[in-house]
Amino acid sequence: MDQLLICSQPTCQPLLVRECTASFESVKESAPTVTLVARGGEHQEFLVDVKVSVDGKELTKRIEGLAITLDPGFHEFVFEHEGDQAVSLTLLLLQGEKNKVVQAVFKGAEPEPGPKPTPQPIAAPKPVIAQHRASGVPTASYVLGALGLAGLGVGATFRMIASADYDKLGPECGHTCSQSRVDSVKSKYNISTIGFATGGGALLAAGVVYLISRGSSSSSQVGSAPRLFLAPGFSETSAAATLIGSF
């Protein structure tokens, strides 16, 4: 969406500005929105003086009940309220999802630790099984997600430009169009297809990497971490993205 906004500025070529503006409005309509809610206290009343951050960046200092537009994909929300322990939520936002409620419930600050009890002798110590917890969204998911959004943006932009050029071929030259003009339109369609395929494959890979990392972190067995790679494949008329790796 950011790339479409940049290419729709008046400094760009007029044709590109029109195409990018139309694509930006289309993408904006399909972008997901969230509504933030925070509760706390004995009766779970609504809280408004809550600072909310998304993926490490401050989103708002106060909850006002308004819908907020975000990019599709995984996001980590952190709610902070004075006197309470911060609440962290990780959610997946789908394309076209509107007014999804993201609610945080504060349970109050943790009490100060009291004096440590005197250790008692233990006849037979019990084995302790180490458990691992997921530390959040892996970096690979962020990278693949950004690559996916960029690919979809490129695909949408070139698809609009190619469609406009194709519509001009008939009125301007009919059946006498030069091969260079026809090849130019075909190239733009191919670039659009590659952008959509690469973007979709990258977003899918981001979700798979996240799910695998969450599953492997919660397991009590120690093993080698899965290695995943996104391998795009291209041909003259199509493109594809393949997720390969070892587990």
C-alpha atoms as a PDB file:
ATOM      1  CA  MET A   1       0.000   0.000   0.000  1.00  0.00           C
ATOM      2  CA  ASP A   2       2.887   2.384   0.767  1.00  0.00           C
ATOM      3  CA  GLN A   3       4.384   1.849  -2.695  1.00  0.00           C
ATOM      4  CA  LEU A   4       1.056   2.626  -4.371  1.00  0.00           C
ATOM      5  CA  LEU A   5       0.779   5.815  -2.298  1.00  0.00           C
ATOM      6  CA  ILE A   6       4.276   6.892  -3.377  1.00  0.00           C
ATOM      7  CA  CYS A   7       3.657   6.321  -7.093  1.00  0.00           C
ATOM      8  CA  SER A   8       0.346   8.234  -6.936  1.00  0.00           C
ATOM      9  CA  GLN A   9       2.107  11.514  -6.084  1.00  0.00           C
ATOM     10  CA  PRO A  10       1.889  14.400  -8.630  1.00  0.00           C
ATOM     11  CA  THR A  11       5.650  14.125  -9.279  1.00  0.00           C
ATOM     12  CA  CYS A  12       5.102  10.851 -11.161  1.00  0.00           C
ATOM     13  CA  GLN A  13       3.857  10.494 -14.748  1.00  0.00           C
ATOM     14  CA  PRO A  14       0.136  11.322 -15.158  1.00  0.00           C
ATOM     15  CA  LEU A  15      -0.773   7.846 -16.447  1.00  0.00           C
ATOM     16  CA  LEU A  16       1.077   6.167 -13.563  1.00  0.00           C
ATOM     17  CA  VAL A  17      -0.564   8.533 -11.066  1.00  0.00           C
ATOM     18  CA  ARG A  18      -4.051   7.574 -12.287  1.00  0.00           C
ATOM     19  CA  GLU A  19      -3.298   3.853 -12.237  1.00  0.00           C
ATOM     20  CA  CYS A  20      -1.634   3.952  -8.808  1.00  0.00           C
ATOM     21  CA  THR A  21      -4.421   6.080  -7.340  1.00  0.00           C
ATOM     22  CA  ALA A  22      -7.060   3.608  -8.512  1.00  0.00           C
ATOM     23  CA  SER A  23      -5.008   0.669  -7.235  1.00  0.00           C
ATOM     24  CA  PHE A  24      -4.449   2.408  -3.877  1.00  0.00           C
ATOM     25  CA  GLU A  25      -8.182   2.931  -3.372  1.00  0.00           C
ATOM     26  CA  SER A  26      -8.850  -0.715  -4.267  1.00  0.00           C
ATOM     27  CA  VAL A  27      -6.199  -2.000  -1.852  1.00  0.00           C
ATOM     28  CA  LYS A  28      -7.419   0.381   0.856  1.00  0.00           C
ATOM     29  CA  GLU A  29     -10.954  -1.015   0.562  1.00  0.00           C
ATOM     30  CA  SER A  30      -9.646  -4.556   1.082  1.00  0.00           C
ATOM     31  CA  ALA A  31      -7.290  -3.661   3.953  1.00  0.00           C
ATOM     32  CA  PRO A  32      -8.356  -5.050   7.366  1.00  0.00           C
ATOM     33  CA  THR A  33      -9.405  -2.768  10.235  1.00  0.00           C
ATOM     34  CA  VAL A  34      -9.375  -3.350  13.995  1.00  0.00           C
ATOM     35  CA  THR A  35     -11.222  -1.860  16.951  1.00  0.00           C
ATOM     36  CA  LEU A  36      -9.244  -1.689  20.189  1.00  0.00           C
ATOM     37  CA  VAL A  37     -10.897  -2.542  23.539  1.00  0.00           C
ATOM     38  CA  ALA A  38      -9.361  -2.666  27.037  1.00  0.00           C
ATOM     39  CA  ARG A  39     -10.969  -3.812  30.291  1.00  0.00           C
ATOM     40  CA  GLY A  40      -9.741  -3.882  33.862  1.00  0.00           C
ATOM     41  CA  GLY A  41     -10.652  -3.564  37.506  1.00  0.00           C
ATOM     42  CA  GLU A  42     -12.932  -5.662  39.687  1.00  0.00           C
ATOM     43  CA  HIS A  43     -16.016  -5.120  37.477  1.00  0.00           C
ATOM     44  CA  GLN A  44     -14.157  -5.268  34.151  1.00  0.00           C
ATOM     45  CA  GLU A  45     -15.006  -1.690  33.202  1.00  0.00           C
ATOM     46  CA  PHE A  46     -13.827  -0.196  29.907  1.00  0.00           C
ATOM     47  CA  LEU A  47     -10.507   1.666  30.000  1.00  0.00           C
ATOM     48  CA  VAL A  48      -9.565   4.536  27.669  1.00  0.00           C
ATOM     49  CA  ASP A  49      -6.214   5.799  29.000  1.00  0.00           C
ATOM     50  CA  VAL A  50      -4.356   2.904  27.426  1.00  0.00           C
ATOM     51  CA  LYS A  51      -1.323   3.123  25.154  1.00  0.00           C
ATOM     52  CA  VAL A  52      -1.310   0.557  22.344  1.00  0.00           C
ATOM     53  CA  SER A  53       1.702  -0.452  20.248  1.00  0.00           C
ATOM     54  CA  VAL A  54       1.720  -2.671  17.147  1.00  0.00           C
ATOM     55  CA  ASP A  55       4.868  -4.540  16.111  1.00  0.00           C
ATOM     56  CA  GLY A  56       6.994  -2.333  18.360  1.00  0.00           C
ATOM     57  CA  LYS A  57       5.590   0.983  17.069  1.00  0.00           C
ATOM     58  CA  GLU A  58       3.203   3.207  19.028  1.00  0.00           C
ATOM     59  CA  LEU A  59      -0.275   3.127  17.464  1.00  0.00           C
ATOM     60  CA  THR A  60      -2.267   5.319  19.873  1.00  0.00           C
ATOM     61  CA  LYS A  61      -1.983   6.799  23.376  1.00  0.00           C
ATOM     62  CA  ARG A  62      -5.702   6.594  24.060  1.00  0.00           C
ATOM     63  CA  ILE A  63      -8.453   4.175  23.033  1.00  0.00           C
ATOM     64  CA  GLU A  64     -11.284   6.108  21.381  1.00  0.00           C
ATOM     65  CA  GLY A  65     -13.359   3.302  19.832  1.00  0.00           C
ATOM     66  CA  LEU A  66     -12.416   4.143  16.228  1.00  0.00           C
ATOM     67  CA  ALA A  67     -11.582   1.590  13.551  1.00  0.00           C
ATOM     68  CA  ILE A  68      -7.873   1.532  12.653  1.00  0.00           C
ATOM     69  CA  THR A  69      -6.541   0.294   9.288  1.00  0.00           C
ATOM     70  CA  LEU A  70      -3.599  -2.140   9.296  1.00  0.00           C
ATOM     71  CA  ASP A  71      -1.877  -4.354   6.746  1.00  0.00           C
ATOM     72  CA  PRO A  72      -2.941  -8.013   6.528  1.00  0.00           C
ATOM     73  CA  GLY A  73      -0.746 -10.567   8.263  1.00  0.00           C
ATOM     74  CA  PHE A  74       0.472 -11.320  11.779  1.00  0.00           C
ATOM     75  CA  HIS A  75       0.719  -8.419  14.240  1.00  0.00           C
ATOM     76  CA  GLU A  76       1.769  -8.183  17.889  1.00  0.00           C
ATOM     77  CA  PHE A  77      -0.364  -5.779  19.974  1.00  0.00           C
ATOM     78  CA  VAL A  78       0.901  -4.488  23.340  1.00  0.00           C
ATOM     79  CA  PHE A  79      -1.558  -2.713  25.688  1.00  0.00           C
ATOM     80  CA  GLU A  80      -0.105  -0.589  28.511  1.00  0.00           C
ATOM     81  CA  HIS A  81      -2.126   0.928  31.379  1.00  0.00           C
ATOM     82  CA  GLU A  82      -0.699   2.742  34.387  1.00  0.00           C
ATOM     83  CA  GLY A  83      -0.707   0.528  37.469  1.00  0.00           C
ATOM     84  CA  ASP A  84      -1.343  -2.697  35.525  1.00  0.00           C
ATOM     85  CA  GLN A  85       0.855  -5.290  33.933  1.00  0.00           C
ATOM     86  CA  ALA A  86       1.179  -4.895  30.150  1.00  0.00           C
ATOM     87  CA  VAL A  87      -0.870  -7.260  27.979  1.00  0.00           C
ATOM     88  CA  SER A  88       0.569  -8.685  24.721  1.00  0.00           C
ATOM     89  CA  LEU A  89      -1.579 -10.251  21.969  1.00  0.00           C
ATOM     90  CA  THR A  90      -0.511 -11.789  18.645  1.00  0.00           C
ATOM     91  CA  LEU A  91      -3.251 -11.920  15.980  1.00  0.00           C
ATOM     92  CA  LEU A  92      -3.578 -12.706  12.270  1.00  0.00           C
ATOM     93  CA  LEU A  93      -5.486 -10.081  10.247  1.00  0.00           C
ATOM     94  CA  LEU A  94      -7.045 -11.305   7.011  1.00  0.00           C
ATOM     95  CA  GLN A  95      -7.489  -9.251   3.847  1.00  0.00           C
ATOM     96  CA  GLY A  96     -10.943  -7.638   3.786  1.00  0.00           C
ATOM     97  CA  GLU A  97     -11.560  -8.277   7.521  1.00  0.00           C
ATOM     98  CA  LYS A  98     -13.297  -5.241   8.993  1.00  0.00           C
ATOM     99  CA  ASN A  99     -13.716  -3.967  12.586  1.00  0.00           C
ATOM    100  CA  LYS A 100     -12.058  -6.967  14.226  1.00  0.00           C
ATOM    101  CA  VAL A 101     -12.194  -6.466  18.007  1.00  0.00           C
ATOM    102  CA  VAL A 102      -8.784  -6.685  19.695  1.00  0.00           C
ATOM    103  CA  GLN A 103      -9.462  -6.814  23.441  1.00  0.00           C
ATOM    104  CA  ALA A 104      -6.998  -6.734  26.336  1.00  0.00           C
ATOM    105  CA  VAL A 105      -7.972  -7.620  29.909  1.00  0.00           C
ATOM    106  CA  PHE A 106      -5.710  -6.245  32.636  1.00  0.00           C
ATOM    107  CA  LYS A 107      -5.320  -8.405  35.742  1.00  0.00           C
ATOM    108  CA  GLY A 108      -3.462  -5.844  37.812  1.00  0.00           C
ATOM    109  CA  ALA A 109       0.181  -5.525  38.747  1.00  0.00           C
ATOM    110  CA  GLU A 110       1.939  -8.524  40.211  1.00  0.00           C
ATOM    111  CA  PRO A 111       2.309  -8.364  44.042  1.00  0.00           C
ATOM    112  CA  GLU A 112       5.755  -7.797  45.480  1.00  0.00           C
ATOM    113  CA  PRO A 113       7.477 -11.042  46.384  1.00  0.00           C
ATOM    114  CA  GLY A 114       7.471 -11.922  50.074  1.00  0.00           C
ATOM    115  CA  PRO A 115      10.285 -13.478  52.066  1.00  0.00           C
ATOM    116  CA  LYS A 116      11.688 -16.662  50.621  1.00  0.00           C
ATOM    117  CA  PRO A 117      10.681 -19.810  52.512  1.00  0.00           C
ATOM    118  CA  THR A 118      13.340 -21.861  54.229  1.00  0.00           C
ATOM    119  CA  PRO A 119      14.322 -24.733  51.928  1.00  0.00           C
ATOM    120  CA  GLN A 120      13.337 -28.161  53.209  1.00  0.00           C
ATOM    121  CA  PRO A 121      15.284 -31.333  52.502  1.00  0.00           C
ATOM    122  CA  ILE A 122      13.809 -33.410  49.694  1.00  0.00           C
ATOM    123  CA  ALA A 123      14.144 -37.172  49.827  1.00  0.00           C
ATOM    124  CA  ALA A 124      13.677 -37.817  46.124  1.00  0.00           C
ATOM    125  CA  PRO A 125      13.802 -34.811  43.801  1.00  0.00           C
ATOM    126  CA  LYS A 126      11.324 -34.888  40.963  1.00  0.00           C
ATOM    127  CA  PRO A 127      12.605 -34.488  37.417  1.00  0.00           C
ATOM    128  CA  VAL A 128      11.857 -31.126  35.880  1.00  0.00           C
ATOM    129  CA  ILE A 129      10.832 -30.995  32.243  1.00  0.00           C
ATOM    130  CA  ALA A 130      11.861 -27.784  30.559  1.00  0.00           C
ATOM    131  CA  GLN A 131       9.165 -26.117  28.537  1.00  0.00           C
ATOM    132  CA  HIS A 132       9.772 -23.548  25.848  1.00  0.00           C
ATOM    133  CA  ARG A 133       7.486 -20.682  25.064  1.00  0.00           C
ATOM    134  CA  ALA A 134       7.244 -18.791  21.847  1.00  0.00           C
ATOM    135  CA  SER A 135       9.014 -15.455  22.062  1.00  0.00           C
ATOM    136  CA  GLY A 136       6.776 -13.744  19.509  1.00  0.00           C
ATOM    137  CA  VAL A 137       6.636 -13.459  15.749  1.00  0.00           C
ATOM    138  CA  PRO A 138       9.886 -14.692  14.124  1.00  0.00           C
ATOM    139  CA  THR A 139      11.881 -12.260  12.032  1.00  0.00           C
ATOM    140  CA  ALA A 140      11.457 -14.484   8.963  1.00  0.00           C
ATOM    141  CA  SER A 141       7.673 -13.964   9.125  1.00  0.00           C
ATOM    142  CA  TYR A 142       8.120 -10.174   9.106  1.00  0.00           C
ATOM    143  CA  VAL A 143      10.529 -10.347   6.162  1.00  0.00           C
ATOM    144  CA  LEU A 144       8.330 -12.723   4.154  1.00  0.00           C
ATOM    145  CA  GLY A 145       5.221 -10.696   5.008  1.00  0.00           C
ATOM    146  CA  ALA A 146       6.838  -7.480   3.790  1.00  0.00           C
ATOM    147  CA  LEU A 147       7.990  -9.250   0.611  1.00  0.00           C
ATOM    148  CA  GLY A 148       4.465 -10.579   0.067  1.00  0.00           C
ATOM    149  CA  LEU A 149       2.831  -7.154   0.424  1.00  0.00           C
ATOM    150  CA  ALA A 150       5.410  -5.606  -1.897  1.00  0.00           C
ATOM    151  CA  GLY A 151       4.794  -8.348  -4.484  1.00  0.00           C
ATOM    152  CA  LEU A 152       1.037  -7.831  -4.373  1.00  0.00           C
ATOM    153  CA  GLY A 153       1.527  -4.085  -4.748  1.00  0.00           C
ATOM    154  CA  VAL A 154       3.742  -4.546  -7.806  1.00  0.00           C
ATOM    155  CA  GLY A 155       1.289  -7.055  -9.293  1.00  0.00           C
ATOM    156  CA  ALA A 156      -1.686  -4.723  -8.827  1.00  0.00           C
ATOM    157  CA  THR A 157       0.169  -1.729 -10.287  1.00  0.00           C
ATOM    158  CA  PHE A 158       1.390  -3.493 -13.439  1.00  0.00           C
ATOM    159  CA  ARG A 159      -1.964  -5.224 -13.956  1.00  0.00           C
ATOM    160  CA  MET A 160      -3.725  -1.844 -14.047  1.00  0.00           C
ATOM    161  CA  ILE A 161      -1.085  -0.353 -16.375  1.00  0.00           C
ATOM    162  CA  ALA A 162      -1.188  -3.385 -18.700  1.00  0.00           C
ATOM    163  CA  SER A 163      -4.989  -3.289 -18.881  1.00  0.00           C
ATOM    164  CA  ALA A 164      -4.937   0.393 -19.795  1.00  0.00           C
ATOM    165  CA  ASP A 165      -2.311  -0.169 -22.526  1.00  0.00           C
ATOM    166  CA  TYR A 166      -4.250  -3.144 -23.906  1.00  0.00           C
ATOM    167  CA  ASP A 167      -7.434  -1.060 -24.178  1.00  0.00           C
ATOM    168  CA  LYS A 168      -5.517   1.520 -26.247  1.00  0.00           C
ATOM    169  CA  LEU A 169      -4.177  -0.965 -28.817  1.00  0.00           C
ATOM    170  CA  GLY A 170      -7.492  -1.440 -30.673  1.00  0.00           C
ATOM    171  CA  PRO A 171      -8.533   2.217 -31.064  1.00  0.00           C
ATOM    172  CA  GLU A 172      -5.027   3.442 -31.904  1.00  0.00           C
ATOM    173  CA  CYS A 173      -3.691   0.840 -34.347  1.00  0.00           C
ATOM    174  CA  GLY A 174      -6.231  -2.016 -34.700  1.00  0.00           C
ATOM    175  CA  HIS A 175      -4.663  -5.038 -36.394  1.00  0.00           C
ATOM    176  CA  THR A 176      -1.572  -3.084 -37.503  1.00  0.00           C
ATOM    177  CA  CYS A 177       0.009  -2.648 -34.069  1.00  0.00           C
ATOM    178  CA  SER A 178       3.765  -3.041 -34.029  1.00  0.00           C
ATOM    179  CA  GLN A 179       5.192  -6.139 -32.395  1.00  0.00           C
ATOM    180  CA  SER A 180       7.110  -3.959 -29.940  1.00  0.00           C
ATOM    181  CA  ARG A 181       3.863  -2.459 -28.582  1.00  0.00           C
ATOM    182  CA  VAL A 182       2.259  -5.891 -28.240  1.00  0.00           C
ATOM    183  CA  ASP A 183       5.363  -7.281 -26.524  1.00  0.00           C
ATOM    184  CA  SER A 184       5.358  -4.312 -24.135  1.00  0.00           C
ATOM    185  CA  VAL A 185       1.785  -5.102 -23.018  1.00  0.00           C
ATOM    186  CA  LYS A 186       2.638  -8.807 -22.652  1.00  0.00           C
ATOM    187  CA  SER A 187       5.673  -7.973 -20.521  1.00  0.00           C
ATOM    188  CA  LYS A 188       3.585  -5.871 -18.156  1.00  0.00           C
ATOM    189  CA  TYR A 189       1.052  -8.694 -17.775  1.00  0.00           C
ATOM    190  CA  ASN A 190       3.905 -11.134 -17.058  1.00  0.00           C
ATOM    191  CA  ILE A 191       5.394  -8.804 -14.428  1.00  0.00           C
ATOM    192  CA  SER A 192       1.935  -8.492 -12.832  1.00  0.00           C
ATOM    193  CA  THR A 193       1.551 -12.283 -12.708  1.00  0.00           C
ATOM    194  CA  ILE A 194       5.005 -12.684 -11.168  1.00  0.00           C
ATOM    195  CA  GLY A 195       4.202 -10.026  -8.553  1.00  0.00           C
ATOM    196  CA  PHE A 196       0.932 -11.713  -7.523  1.00  0.00           C
ATOM    197  CA  ALA A 197       2.497 -15.181  -7.406  1.00  0.00           C
ATOM    198  CA  THR A 198       5.558 -14.078  -5.451  1.00  0.00           C
ATOM    199  CA  GLY A 199       3.499 -11.931  -3.055  1.00  0.00           C
ATOM    200  CA  GLY A 200       0.970 -14.680  -2.374  1.00  0.00           C
ATOM    201  CA  GLY A 201       3.691 -17.288  -1.898  1.00  0.00           C
ATOM    202  CA  ALA A 202       5.620 -15.029   0.486  1.00  0.00           C
ATOM    203  CA  LEU A 203       2.539 -14.359   2.642  1.00  0.00           C
ATOM    204  CA  LEU A 204       1.787 -18.086   2.761  1.00  0.00           C
ATOM    205  CA  ALA A 205       5.388 -18.811   3.732  1.00  0.00           C
ATOM    206  CA  ALA A 206       5.233 -16.158   6.478  1.00  0.00           C
ATOM    207  CA  GLY A 207       2.205 -17.888   8.005  1.00  0.00           C
ATOM    208  CA  VAL A 208       3.821 -21.339   7.773  1.00  0.00           C
ATOM    209  CA  VAL A 209       7.066 -20.112   9.390  1.00  0.00           C
ATOM    210  CA  TYR A 210       5.106 -18.525  12.231  1.00  0.00           C
ATOM    211  CA  LEU A 211       2.994 -21.640  12.893  1.00  0.00           C
ATOM    212  CA  ILE A 212       6.035 -23.923  12.812  1.00  0.00           C
ATOM    213  CA  SER A 213       7.988 -21.653  15.172  1.00  0.00           C
ATOM    214  CA  ARG A 214       5.095 -21.551  17.639  1.00  0.00           C
ATOM    215  CA  GLY A 215       4.730 -25.318  17.549  1.00  0.00           C
ATOM    216  CA  SER A 216       8.452 -26.022  17.959  1.00  0.00           C
ATOM    217  CA  SER A 217       8.792 -23.508  20.826  1.00  0.00           C
ATOM    218  CA  SER A 218       5.982 -25.109  22.861  1.00  0.00           C
ATOM    219  CA  SER A 219       7.412 -28.643  22.490  1.00  0.00           C
ATOM    220  CA  SER A 220       9.328 -30.190  25.380  1.00  0.00           C
ATOM    221  CA  GLN A 221      11.587 -32.180  23.050  1.00  0.00           C
ATOM    222  CA  VAL A 222      14.845 -30.595  21.926  1.00  0.00           C
ATOM    223  CA  GLY A 223      15.540 -30.873  18.218  1.00  0.00           C
ATOM    224  CA  SER A 224      16.990 -29.001  15.336  1.00  0.00           C
ATOM    225  CA  ALA A 225      15.023 -25.986  14.166  1.00  0.00           C
ATOM    226  CA  PRO A 226      13.322 -26.299  10.770  1.00  0.00           C
ATOM    227  CA  ARG A 227      15.006 -24.554   7.912  1.00  0.00           C
ATOM    228  CA  LEU A 228      12.683 -23.034   5.343  1.00  0.00           C
ATOM    229  CA  PHE A 229      13.401 -21.300   2.080  1.00  0.00           C
ATOM    230  CA  LEU A 230      11.062 -19.557  -0.376  1.00  0.00           C
ATOM    231  CA  ALA A 231      12.105 -20.506  -3.907  1.00  0.00           C
ATOM    232  CA  PRO A 232      10.353 -18.483  -6.636  1.00  0.00           C
ATOM    233  CA  GLY A 233      10.117 -20.072 -10.071  1.00  0.00           C
ATOM    234  CA  PHE A 234       9.470 -18.172 -13.278  1.00  0.00           C
ATOM    235  CA  SER A 235       8.598 -19.019 -16.864  1.00  0.00           C
ATOM    236  CA  GLU A 236       7.705 -16.895 -19.884  1.00  0.00           C
ATOM    237  CA  THR A 237       4.020 -16.673 -18.980  1.00  0.00           C
ATOM    238  CA  SER A 238       3.731 -17.591 -15.310  1.00  0.00           C
ATOM    239  CA  ALA A 239       5.405 -17.557 -11.935  1.00  0.00           C
ATOM    240  CA  ALA A 240       5.210 -19.595  -8.749  1.00  0.00           C
ATOM    241  CA  ALA A 241       6.689 -19.578  -5.254  1.00  0.00           C
ATOM    242  CA  THR A 242       7.661 -22.888  -3.586  1.00  0.00           C
ATOM    243  CA  LEU A 243       8.360 -23.385   0.123  1.00  0.00           C
ATOM    244  CA  ILE A 244      11.174 -25.903   0.644  1.00  0.00           C
ATOM    245  CA  GLY A 245      13.147 -26.894   3.698  1.00  0.00           C
ATOM    246  CA  SER A 246      14.131 -29.549   6.213  1.00  0.00           C
ATOM    247  CA  PHE A 247      12.478 -30.469   9.509  1.00  0.00           C
END
